[in-house]
Amino acid sequence: MQLPLFNVTKSALCTCLPKFNINPYLGRCAHGCVYCYAVKFPSFRGPTIPRLKIKNDIIQMVETTKNRWPVMLSDSTDPYQPLEKEYEITRSCLYALTEKKFPILVVTKSNLVTRDIDLLRKTETVVSMTITTLREETAKTIEPHAPLPNSRFEALEQIADEGIPTVVRIDPIIPLVNWNIDELEKIVCHSADIGVKQITASTMKLVKGVFGSLKNENPRLFNTLQSSYSDGEWICGYKYLNREKRFKILSELKSIVAKHGLKFATCREGFPQLNNNICDGSAYCRTSLNEFA
């Protein structure tokens, strides 16, 4: 019983280096983001389910895993679900991982991550916080049950003040929703002000489950996306925007990020020429591919 590997085969455009991945919860993430790609996978539909078995098995998994690659929490759910306050599955995983000095990659939208700063300080850790907009009303529309952006920035500032590297993920960028380059610059500017090291960006990739539900839940957004993606392309089960549209907005964003002195990476876009770092931020906890082998 070993730590599960991150599945890079989910996208032909994934450029992630080897790492492990733990999803402490199954079912639909309680944040209810309208753009969630994980609904494509049957295990991440329905009510949120705590994976109590992982809480019991994590010590054995850690002890039997030889490679010291970074461990991500998580790729298909938020490790800081509201249920995490009660079940502490993520905290149990962090405790076991940090005892053995595994590097940690946290990906979240929740300010609950600050609860675990005591553990995150114990090993090489990178915390990536998804912040797609500074406008509360927009956030409430596209991420209805997630903590508001200002709470996420406050959490990131606390973490950065502890000397833990932080990344802001502007992910996804959605046409006519958070596409305005001036608004994106405000996110970058605030990120730089609080000590964030990197911006990772990606455009929205549609999956059939998302597009179908939007037609009933948010007809206006559905119509916007239907028009914007009409000349897009399907790649590995995801509907991408037209390549030129994607490259234009991401190139503009990279220039802004450079102006503010931060690193930049795209995620699963097929534009390696825009990247000057690894999208998951793992460059801050490893200096080479083989460092933890």
C-alpha atoms as a PDB file:
ATOM      1  CA  MET A   1       0.000   0.000   0.000  1.00  0.00           C
ATOM      2  CA  GLN A   2       1.763   3.120  -1.263  1.00  0.00           C
ATOM      3  CA  LEU A   3       0.865   6.732  -1.900  1.00  0.00           C
ATOM      4  CA  PRO A   4      -1.153   7.057  -5.137  1.00  0.00           C
ATOM      5  CA  LEU A   5       0.597   8.584  -8.127  1.00  0.00           C
ATOM      6  CA  PHE A   6      -0.769  11.700  -9.789  1.00  0.00           C
ATOM      7  CA  ASN A   7      -2.445  10.631 -13.033  1.00  0.00           C
ATOM      8  CA  VAL A   8      -0.814  12.694 -15.779  1.00  0.00           C
ATOM      9  CA  THR A   9      -2.784  10.839 -18.465  1.00  0.00           C
ATOM     10  CA  LYS A  10      -5.900  12.910 -17.747  1.00  0.00           C
ATOM     11  CA  SER A  11      -4.612  15.438 -20.272  1.00  0.00           C
ATOM     12  CA  ALA A  12      -2.110  15.166 -23.093  1.00  0.00           C
ATOM     13  CA  LEU A  13      -1.071  18.755 -22.309  1.00  0.00           C
ATOM     14  CA  CYS A  14      -0.165  18.113 -18.666  1.00  0.00           C
ATOM     15  CA  THR A  15       3.472  19.033 -18.008  1.00  0.00           C
ATOM     16  CA  CYS A  16       3.609  18.036 -14.330  1.00  0.00           C
ATOM     17  CA  LEU A  17       6.689  16.250 -13.066  1.00  0.00           C
ATOM     18  CA  PRO A  18       6.258  12.993 -11.104  1.00  0.00           C
ATOM     19  CA  LYS A  19       4.383  13.424  -7.846  1.00  0.00           C
ATOM     20  CA  PHE A  20       1.865  11.701  -5.624  1.00  0.00           C
ATOM     21  CA  ASN A  21      -1.725  12.823  -5.128  1.00  0.00           C
ATOM     22  CA  ILE A  22      -4.259  12.348  -2.341  1.00  0.00           C
ATOM     23  CA  ASN A  23      -7.944  13.260  -2.553  1.00  0.00           C
ATOM     24  CA  PRO A  24      -9.159  13.148   1.078  1.00  0.00           C
ATOM     25  CA  TYR A  25     -12.796  13.514  -0.005  1.00  0.00           C
ATOM     26  CA  LEU A  26     -14.966  12.021  -2.737  1.00  0.00           C
ATOM     27  CA  GLY A  27     -18.246  13.270  -4.195  1.00  0.00           C
ATOM     28  CA  ARG A  28     -18.914  16.781  -5.419  1.00  0.00           C
ATOM     29  CA  CYS A  29     -16.775  19.401  -3.735  1.00  0.00           C
ATOM     30  CA  ALA A  30     -18.935  21.496  -1.405  1.00  0.00           C
ATOM     31  CA  HIS A  31     -17.672  24.752  -2.926  1.00  0.00           C
ATOM     32  CA  GLY A  32     -19.969  24.115  -5.899  1.00  0.00           C
ATOM     33  CA  CYS A  33     -17.873  25.928  -8.524  1.00  0.00           C
ATOM     34  CA  VAL A  34     -19.734  26.108 -11.831  1.00  0.00           C
ATOM     35  CA  TYR A  35     -16.566  25.374 -13.784  1.00  0.00           C
ATOM     36  CA  CYS A  36     -15.526  22.227 -11.879  1.00  0.00           C
ATOM     37  CA  TYR A  37     -13.987  19.702 -14.269  1.00  0.00           C
ATOM     38  CA  ALA A  38     -14.035  16.902 -11.676  1.00  0.00           C
ATOM     39  CA  VAL A  39     -17.735  16.242 -12.324  1.00  0.00           C
ATOM     40  CA  LYS A  40     -16.468  14.407 -15.392  1.00  0.00           C
ATOM     41  CA  PHE A  41     -15.381  11.614 -13.061  1.00  0.00           C
ATOM     42  CA  PRO A  42     -18.092   9.468 -11.387  1.00  0.00           C
ATOM     43  CA  SER A  43     -16.229   9.385  -8.057  1.00  0.00           C
ATOM     44  CA  PHE A  44     -16.588  13.157  -7.744  1.00  0.00           C
ATOM     45  CA  ARG A  45     -20.353  13.457  -8.139  1.00  0.00           C
ATOM     46  CA  GLY A  46     -23.046  13.392  -5.483  1.00  0.00           C
ATOM     47  CA  PRO A  47     -22.662  14.325  -1.800  1.00  0.00           C
ATOM     48  CA  THR A  48     -19.222  15.028  -0.360  1.00  0.00           C
ATOM     49  CA  ILE A  49     -17.866  11.864   1.268  1.00  0.00           C
ATOM     50  CA  PRO A  50     -14.988  11.822   3.784  1.00  0.00           C
ATOM     51  CA  ARG A  51     -12.480   9.073   2.970  1.00  0.00           C
ATOM     52  CA  LEU A  52     -12.042   7.796   6.496  1.00  0.00           C
ATOM     53  CA  LYS A  53     -10.026   4.807   5.284  1.00  0.00           C
ATOM     54  CA  ILE A  54      -7.238   7.135   4.150  1.00  0.00           C
ATOM     55  CA  LYS A  55      -7.122   8.623   7.631  1.00  0.00           C
ATOM     56  CA  ASN A  56      -6.517   5.115   8.977  1.00  0.00           C
ATOM     57  CA  ASP A  57      -4.131   3.988   6.221  1.00  0.00           C
ATOM     58  CA  ILE A  58      -1.994   7.073   5.640  1.00  0.00           C
ATOM     59  CA  ILE A  59       0.817   6.113   8.027  1.00  0.00           C
ATOM     60  CA  GLN A  60       1.280   2.743   6.334  1.00  0.00           C
ATOM     61  CA  MET A  61       1.097   4.380   2.885  1.00  0.00           C
ATOM     62  CA  VAL A  62       3.817   6.841   3.830  1.00  0.00           C
ATOM     63  CA  GLU A  63       6.070   4.212   5.383  1.00  0.00           C
ATOM     64  CA  THR A  64       5.929   1.900   2.352  1.00  0.00           C
ATOM     65  CA  THR A  65       6.504   4.632  -0.263  1.00  0.00           C
ATOM     66  CA  LYS A  66      10.174   4.857  -1.207  1.00  0.00           C
ATOM     67  CA  ASN A  67      10.300   7.820  -3.611  1.00  0.00           C
ATOM     68  CA  ARG A  68      10.205  11.190  -1.905  1.00  0.00           C
ATOM     69  CA  TRP A  69       8.335  13.000  -4.655  1.00  0.00           C
ATOM     70  CA  PRO A  70       6.042  15.876  -3.696  1.00  0.00           C
ATOM     71  CA  VAL A  71       2.540  14.945  -2.548  1.00  0.00           C
ATOM     72  CA  MET A  72      -0.362  17.041  -3.845  1.00  0.00           C
ATOM     73  CA  LEU A  73      -3.564  17.626  -1.918  1.00  0.00           C
ATOM     74  CA  SER A  74      -5.540  17.568  -4.192  1.00  0.00           C
ATOM     75  CA  ASP A  75      -6.301  17.407  -7.917  1.00  0.00           C
ATOM     76  CA  SER A  76     -10.038  16.602  -7.998  1.00  0.00           C
ATOM     77  CA  THR A  77     -11.413  17.979  -4.750  1.00  0.00           C
ATOM     78  CA  ASP A  78     -10.550  20.693  -2.269  1.00  0.00           C
ATOM     79  CA  PRO A  79      -8.650  19.166   0.667  1.00  0.00           C
ATOM     80  CA  TYR A  80     -10.232  21.799   2.907  1.00  0.00           C
ATOM     81  CA  GLN A  81     -13.896  20.952   2.524  1.00  0.00           C
ATOM     82  CA  PRO A  82     -16.208  22.318   5.232  1.00  0.00           C
ATOM     83  CA  LEU A  83     -16.319  18.707   6.499  1.00  0.00           C
ATOM     84  CA  GLU A  84     -12.567  18.902   7.138  1.00  0.00           C
ATOM     85  CA  LYS A  85     -13.276  20.912  10.298  1.00  0.00           C
ATOM     86  CA  GLU A  86     -14.941  17.818  11.730  1.00  0.00           C
ATOM     87  CA  TYR A  87     -13.056  14.904  10.178  1.00  0.00           C
ATOM     88  CA  GLU A  88      -9.497  16.303   9.895  1.00  0.00           C
ATOM     89  CA  ILE A  89      -8.571  13.830   7.159  1.00  0.00           C
ATOM     90  CA  THR A  90      -6.326  16.351   5.424  1.00  0.00           C
ATOM     91  CA  ARG A  91      -4.646  17.234   8.705  1.00  0.00           C
ATOM     92  CA  SER A  92      -4.022  13.543   9.420  1.00  0.00           C
ATOM     93  CA  CYS A  93      -2.440  13.157   5.988  1.00  0.00           C
ATOM     94  CA  LEU A  94      -0.266  16.218   6.505  1.00  0.00           C
ATOM     95  CA  TYR A  95       0.884  14.969   9.888  1.00  0.00           C
ATOM     96  CA  ALA A  96       1.999  11.606   8.483  1.00  0.00           C
ATOM     97  CA  LEU A  97       3.627  13.162   5.412  1.00  0.00           C
ATOM     98  CA  THR A  98       5.523  15.840   7.291  1.00  0.00           C
ATOM     99  CA  GLU A  99       6.837  13.328   9.826  1.00  0.00           C
ATOM    100  CA  LYS A 100       8.654  11.657   6.916  1.00  0.00           C
ATOM    101  CA  LYS A 101       9.572  14.998   5.305  1.00  0.00           C
ATOM    102  CA  PHE A 102       7.610  14.501   2.091  1.00  0.00           C
ATOM    103  CA  PRO A 103       7.339  17.799   0.166  1.00  0.00           C
ATOM    104  CA  ILE A 104       3.730  19.033   0.131  1.00  0.00           C
ATOM    105  CA  LEU A 105       1.724  20.789  -2.610  1.00  0.00           C
ATOM    106  CA  VAL A 106      -1.564  22.141  -1.254  1.00  0.00           C
ATOM    107  CA  VAL A 107      -4.178  23.336  -3.772  1.00  0.00           C
ATOM    108  CA  THR A 108      -7.236  24.962  -2.217  1.00  0.00           C
ATOM    109  CA  LYS A 109      -9.796  27.765  -2.202  1.00  0.00           C
ATOM    110  CA  SER A 110     -10.251  27.696   1.561  1.00  0.00           C
ATOM    111  CA  ASN A 111      -8.829  29.842   4.333  1.00  0.00           C
ATOM    112  CA  LEU A 112      -9.076  26.766   6.571  1.00  0.00           C
ATOM    113  CA  VAL A 113      -5.573  25.925   5.331  1.00  0.00           C
ATOM    114  CA  THR A 114      -4.173  28.349   7.929  1.00  0.00           C
ATOM    115  CA  ARG A 115      -5.247  25.918  10.662  1.00  0.00           C
ATOM    116  CA  ASP A 116      -2.426  23.622   9.549  1.00  0.00           C
ATOM    117  CA  ILE A 117       0.435  26.125   9.347  1.00  0.00           C
ATOM    118  CA  ASP A 118       2.109  24.309  12.238  1.00  0.00           C
ATOM    119  CA  LEU A 119       2.407  21.210  10.027  1.00  0.00           C
ATOM    120  CA  LEU A 120       3.125  23.014   6.765  1.00  0.00           C
ATOM    121  CA  ARG A 121       6.197  24.602   8.372  1.00  0.00           C
ATOM    122  CA  LYS A 122       7.711  21.174   9.110  1.00  0.00           C
ATOM    123  CA  THR A 123       8.618  20.250   5.524  1.00  0.00           C
ATOM    124  CA  GLU A 124       9.097  21.818   2.089  1.00  0.00           C
ATOM    125  CA  THR A 125       5.608  23.083   1.279  1.00  0.00           C
ATOM    126  CA  VAL A 126       3.957  25.142  -1.451  1.00  0.00           C
ATOM    127  CA  VAL A 127       0.409  26.453  -1.021  1.00  0.00           C
ATOM    128  CA  SER A 128      -1.534  27.300  -4.185  1.00  0.00           C
ATOM    129  CA  MET A 129      -4.737  29.289  -3.714  1.00  0.00           C
ATOM    130  CA  THR A 130      -7.251  29.607  -6.544  1.00  0.00           C
ATOM    131  CA  ILE A 131      -8.447  33.210  -6.906  1.00  0.00           C
ATOM    132  CA  THR A 132     -10.332  33.901 -10.113  1.00  0.00           C
ATOM    133  CA  THR A 133     -11.784  37.330  -9.358  1.00  0.00           C
ATOM    134  CA  LEU A 134     -11.747  40.094  -6.759  1.00  0.00           C
ATOM    135  CA  ARG A 135     -15.419  40.901  -7.339  1.00  0.00           C
ATOM    136  CA  GLU A 136     -17.512  39.303  -4.604  1.00  0.00           C
ATOM    137  CA  GLU A 137     -20.665  39.079  -6.707  1.00  0.00           C
ATOM    138  CA  THR A 138     -18.819  37.287  -9.490  1.00  0.00           C
ATOM    139  CA  ALA A 139     -17.197  34.944  -6.983  1.00  0.00           C
ATOM    140  CA  LYS A 140     -20.590  34.145  -5.472  1.00  0.00           C
ATOM    141  CA  THR A 141     -21.886  33.295  -8.940  1.00  0.00           C
ATOM    142  CA  ILE A 142     -19.096  31.022 -10.124  1.00  0.00           C
ATOM    143  CA  GLU A 143     -17.841  29.720  -6.734  1.00  0.00           C
ATOM    144  CA  PRO A 144     -21.042  29.985  -4.679  1.00  0.00           C
ATOM    145  CA  HIS A 145     -19.970  28.163  -1.505  1.00  0.00           C
ATOM    146  CA  ALA A 146     -16.243  28.890  -1.422  1.00  0.00           C
ATOM    147  CA  PRO A 147     -14.715  31.471   0.941  1.00  0.00           C
ATOM    148  CA  LEU A 148     -14.701  34.930  -0.610  1.00  0.00           C
ATOM    149  CA  PRO A 149     -11.544  36.173  -2.376  1.00  0.00           C
ATOM    150  CA  ASN A 150     -10.523  38.568   0.404  1.00  0.00           C
ATOM    151  CA  SER A 151     -10.540  35.677   2.904  1.00  0.00           C
ATOM    152  CA  ARG A 152      -8.327  33.639   0.599  1.00  0.00           C
ATOM    153  CA  PHE A 153      -5.853  36.497   0.218  1.00  0.00           C
ATOM    154  CA  GLU A 154      -5.754  36.972   3.994  1.00  0.00           C
ATOM    155  CA  ALA A 155      -4.955  33.278   4.401  1.00  0.00           C
ATOM    156  CA  LEU A 156      -2.236  33.460   1.748  1.00  0.00           C
ATOM    157  CA  GLU A 157      -0.651  36.452   3.434  1.00  0.00           C
ATOM    158  CA  GLN A 158      -0.511  34.564   6.734  1.00  0.00           C
ATOM    159  CA  ILE A 159       1.137  31.618   5.012  1.00  0.00           C
ATOM    160  CA  ALA A 160       3.596  33.761   3.062  1.00  0.00           C
ATOM    161  CA  ASP A 161       4.549  35.564   6.282  1.00  0.00           C
ATOM    162  CA  GLU A 162       5.624  32.161   7.633  1.00  0.00           C
ATOM    163  CA  GLY A 163       8.113  31.845   4.785  1.00  0.00           C
ATOM    164  CA  ILE A 164       6.050  29.203   2.981  1.00  0.00           C
ATOM    165  CA  PRO A 165       6.060  29.699  -0.826  1.00  0.00           C
ATOM    166  CA  THR A 166       2.645  30.616  -2.216  1.00  0.00           C
ATOM    167  CA  VAL A 167       1.083  30.548  -5.676  1.00  0.00           C
ATOM    168  CA  VAL A 168      -2.117  32.187  -6.904  1.00  0.00           C
ATOM    169  CA  ARG A 169      -3.977  30.179  -9.503  1.00  0.00           C
ATOM    170  CA  ILE A 170      -6.130  32.331 -11.789  1.00  0.00           C
ATOM    171  CA  ASP A 171      -7.801  29.185 -12.933  1.00  0.00           C
ATOM    172  CA  PRO A 172      -9.982  29.235 -14.857  1.00  0.00           C
ATOM    173  CA  ILE A 173     -10.165  32.404 -16.902  1.00  0.00           C
ATOM    174  CA  ILE A 174     -13.708  32.438 -18.304  1.00  0.00           C
ATOM    175  CA  PRO A 175     -14.788  34.492 -21.346  1.00  0.00           C
ATOM    176  CA  LEU A 176     -16.795  37.602 -20.392  1.00  0.00           C
ATOM    177  CA  VAL A 177     -16.745  36.596 -16.710  1.00  0.00           C
ATOM    178  CA  ASN A 178     -13.194  37.230 -15.444  1.00  0.00           C
ATOM    179  CA  TRP A 179     -11.534  37.862 -18.812  1.00  0.00           C
ATOM    180  CA  ASN A 180     -10.904  41.596 -18.383  1.00  0.00           C
ATOM    181  CA  ILE A 181      -7.148  42.136 -18.337  1.00  0.00           C
ATOM    182  CA  ASP A 182      -7.377  45.127 -15.969  1.00  0.00           C
ATOM    183  CA  GLU A 183      -9.211  43.007 -13.417  1.00  0.00           C
ATOM    184  CA  LEU A 184      -6.684  40.214 -13.804  1.00  0.00           C
ATOM    185  CA  GLU A 185      -3.911  42.719 -13.152  1.00  0.00           C
ATOM    186  CA  LYS A 186      -5.543  43.649  -9.844  1.00  0.00           C
ATOM    187  CA  ILE A 187      -5.238  40.014  -8.754  1.00  0.00           C
ATOM    188  CA  VAL A 188      -1.588  39.961  -9.800  1.00  0.00           C
ATOM    189  CA  CYS A 189      -0.850  43.271  -8.089  1.00  0.00           C
ATOM    190  CA  HIS A 190      -2.412  42.183  -4.802  1.00  0.00           C
ATOM    191  CA  SER A 191      -0.598  38.855  -5.024  1.00  0.00           C
ATOM    192  CA  ALA A 192       2.737  40.619  -5.401  1.00  0.00           C
ATOM    193  CA  ASP A 193       1.958  42.939  -2.490  1.00  0.00           C
ATOM    194  CA  ILE A 194       1.489  40.058  -0.032  1.00  0.00           C
ATOM    195  CA  GLY A 195       4.534  38.056  -1.097  1.00  0.00           C
ATOM    196  CA  VAL A 196       3.101  35.506  -3.524  1.00  0.00           C
ATOM    197  CA  LYS A 197       5.856  34.029  -5.701  1.00  0.00           C
ATOM    198  CA  GLN A 198       3.989  32.827  -8.783  1.00  0.00           C
ATOM    199  CA  ILE A 199       0.836  33.142 -10.868  1.00  0.00           C
ATOM    200  CA  THR A 200      -0.478  30.039 -12.595  1.00  0.00           C
ATOM    201  CA  ALA A 201      -3.226  30.601 -15.145  1.00  0.00           C
ATOM    202  CA  SER A 202      -5.524  28.520 -17.282  1.00  0.00           C
ATOM    203  CA  THR A 203      -8.615  29.071 -19.401  1.00  0.00           C
ATOM    204  CA  MET A 204     -11.844  27.227 -18.713  1.00  0.00           C
ATOM    205  CA  LYS A 205     -12.058  23.744 -20.181  1.00  0.00           C
ATOM    206  CA  LEU A 206     -15.611  22.536 -20.640  1.00  0.00           C
ATOM    207  CA  VAL A 207     -16.644  18.990 -19.863  1.00  0.00           C
ATOM    208  CA  LYS A 208     -20.037  17.595 -20.767  1.00  0.00           C
ATOM    209  CA  GLY A 209     -21.280  17.492 -17.184  1.00  0.00           C
ATOM    210  CA  VAL A 210     -20.517  21.174 -16.634  1.00  0.00           C
ATOM    211  CA  PHE A 211     -22.008  22.408 -19.883  1.00  0.00           C
ATOM    212  CA  GLY A 212     -25.211  20.433 -19.433  1.00  0.00           C
ATOM    213  CA  SER A 213     -25.878  21.640 -15.890  1.00  0.00           C
ATOM    214  CA  LEU A 214     -25.217  25.283 -16.791  1.00  0.00           C
ATOM    215  CA  LYS A 215     -28.053  25.247 -19.300  1.00  0.00           C
ATOM    216  CA  ASN A 216     -30.522  24.926 -16.419  1.00  0.00           C
ATOM    217  CA  GLU A 217     -28.639  26.593 -13.569  1.00  0.00           C
ATOM    218  CA  ASN A 218     -27.201  29.640 -15.349  1.00  0.00           C
ATOM    219  CA  PRO A 219     -28.700  30.110 -18.834  1.00  0.00           C
ATOM    220  CA  ARG A 220     -26.917  33.445 -19.331  1.00  0.00           C
ATOM    221  CA  LEU A 221     -23.495  31.931 -18.708  1.00  0.00           C
ATOM    222  CA  PHE A 222     -24.446  28.918 -20.813  1.00  0.00           C
ATOM    223  CA  ASN A 223     -25.238  31.162 -23.789  1.00  0.00           C
ATOM    224  CA  THR A 224     -21.997  33.103 -23.310  1.00  0.00           C
ATOM    225  CA  LEU A 225     -19.904  29.952 -23.248  1.00  0.00           C
ATOM    226  CA  GLN A 226     -21.756  28.352 -26.130  1.00  0.00           C
ATOM    227  CA  SER A 227     -20.874  31.342 -28.295  1.00  0.00           C
ATOM    228  CA  SER A 228     -17.286  31.707 -27.033  1.00  0.00           C
ATOM    229  CA  TYR A 229     -16.445  28.032 -27.503  1.00  0.00           C
ATOM    230  CA  SER A 230     -18.175  27.582 -30.848  1.00  0.00           C
ATOM    231  CA  ASP A 231     -14.832  27.654 -32.688  1.00  0.00           C
ATOM    232  CA  GLY A 232     -12.932  25.778 -29.975  1.00  0.00           C
ATOM    233  CA  GLU A 233     -11.471  22.286 -30.032  1.00  0.00           C
ATOM    234  CA  TRP A 234     -11.878  19.058 -28.080  1.00  0.00           C
ATOM    235  CA  ILE A 235      -8.677  17.769 -26.463  1.00  0.00           C
ATOM    236  CA  CYS A 236      -8.783  14.565 -24.395  1.00  0.00           C
ATOM    237  CA  GLY A 237     -12.433  15.021 -23.457  1.00  0.00           C
ATOM    238  CA  TYR A 238     -12.208  18.759 -22.711  1.00  0.00           C
ATOM    239  CA  LYS A 239     -13.563  21.582 -24.866  1.00  0.00           C
ATOM    240  CA  TYR A 240     -10.871  24.259 -25.189  1.00  0.00           C
ATOM    241  CA  LEU A 241     -11.254  27.800 -26.426  1.00  0.00           C
ATOM    242  CA  ASN A 242      -9.860  28.634 -29.833  1.00  0.00           C
ATOM    243  CA  ARG A 243      -6.062  28.460 -29.601  1.00  0.00           C
ATOM    244  CA  GLU A 244      -5.548  32.080 -30.695  1.00  0.00           C
ATOM    245  CA  LYS A 245      -7.958  33.396 -28.043  1.00  0.00           C
ATOM    246  CA  ARG A 246      -6.193  31.409 -25.345  1.00  0.00           C
ATOM    247  CA  PHE A 247      -2.734  32.479 -26.388  1.00  0.00           C
ATOM    248  CA  LYS A 248      -3.715  36.154 -26.547  1.00  0.00           C
ATOM    249  CA  ILE A 249      -5.131  36.427 -23.023  1.00  0.00           C
ATOM    250  CA  LEU A 250      -2.403  34.277 -21.474  1.00  0.00           C
ATOM    251  CA  SER A 251       0.367  36.215 -23.232  1.00  0.00           C
ATOM    252  CA  GLU A 252      -1.064  39.499 -21.980  1.00  0.00           C
ATOM    253  CA  LEU A 253      -1.302  38.102 -18.480  1.00  0.00           C
ATOM    254  CA  LYS A 254       2.284  36.856 -18.577  1.00  0.00           C
ATOM    255  CA  SER A 255       3.495  40.367 -19.436  1.00  0.00           C
ATOM    256  CA  ILE A 256       1.622  41.776 -16.460  1.00  0.00           C
ATOM    257  CA  VAL A 257       2.993  39.102 -14.142  1.00  0.00           C
ATOM    258  CA  ALA A 258       6.543  39.851 -15.313  1.00  0.00           C
ATOM    259  CA  LYS A 259       5.986  43.559 -14.672  1.00  0.00           C
ATOM    260  CA  HIS A 260       5.188  42.738 -11.048  1.00  0.00           C
ATOM    261  CA  GLY A 261       8.245  40.517 -10.667  1.00  0.00           C
ATOM    262  CA  LEU A 262       6.494  37.161 -10.260  1.00  0.00           C
ATOM    263  CA  LYS A 263       6.995  33.815 -11.964  1.00  0.00           C
ATOM    264  CA  PHE A 264       4.366  32.605 -14.437  1.00  0.00           C
ATOM    265  CA  ALA A 265       3.058  29.287 -15.694  1.00  0.00           C
ATOM    266  CA  THR A 266       0.078  28.076 -17.681  1.00  0.00           C
ATOM    267  CA  CYS A 267      -1.688  24.819 -16.876  1.00  0.00           C
ATOM    268  CA  ARG A 268      -2.594  22.308 -19.599  1.00  0.00           C
ATOM    269  CA  GLU A 269      -2.690  24.920 -22.348  1.00  0.00           C
ATOM    270  CA  GLY A 270      -0.005  23.710 -24.755  1.00  0.00           C
ATOM    271  CA  PHE A 271       2.039  26.933 -24.545  1.00  0.00           C
ATOM    272  CA  PRO A 272       5.334  25.906 -22.913  1.00  0.00           C
ATOM    273  CA  GLN A 273       6.964  29.032 -24.346  1.00  0.00           C
ATOM    274  CA  LEU A 274       4.932  31.127 -21.890  1.00  0.00           C
ATOM    275  CA  ASN A 275       6.124  29.261 -18.817  1.00  0.00           C
ATOM    276  CA  ASN A 276       9.093  30.226 -16.682  1.00  0.00           C
ATOM    277  CA  ASN A 277       8.190  27.863 -13.860  1.00  0.00           C
ATOM    278  CA  ILE A 278       6.259  24.642 -13.150  1.00  0.00           C
ATOM    279  CA  CYS A 279       2.497  25.150 -12.957  1.00  0.00           C
ATOM    280  CA  ASP A 280       2.031  23.365  -9.614  1.00  0.00           C
ATOM    281  CA  GLY A 281       4.740  25.433  -7.925  1.00  0.00           C
ATOM    282  CA  SER A 282       6.840  22.369  -7.160  1.00  0.00           C
ATOM    283  CA  ALA A 283       9.996  24.194  -8.273  1.00  0.00           C
ATOM    284  CA  TYR A 284       9.939  25.784  -4.810  1.00  0.00           C
ATOM    285  CA  CYS A 285      10.271  22.402  -3.114  1.00  0.00           C
ATOM    286  CA  ARG A 286      12.593  20.627  -5.544  1.00  0.00           C
ATOM    287  CA  THR A 287      15.584  21.735  -7.553  1.00  0.00           C
ATOM    288  CA  SER A 288      15.687  18.816  -9.986  1.00  0.00           C
ATOM    289  CA  LEU A 289      13.526  15.985 -11.263  1.00  0.00           C
ATOM    290  CA  ASN A 290      15.496  13.389  -9.324  1.00  0.00           C
ATOM    291  CA  GLU A 291      15.948  15.269  -6.076  1.00  0.00           C
ATOM    292  CA  PHE A 292      13.477  13.131  -4.134  1.00  0.00           C
ATOM    293  CA  ALA A 293      14.027   9.816  -5.922  1.00  0.00           C
END
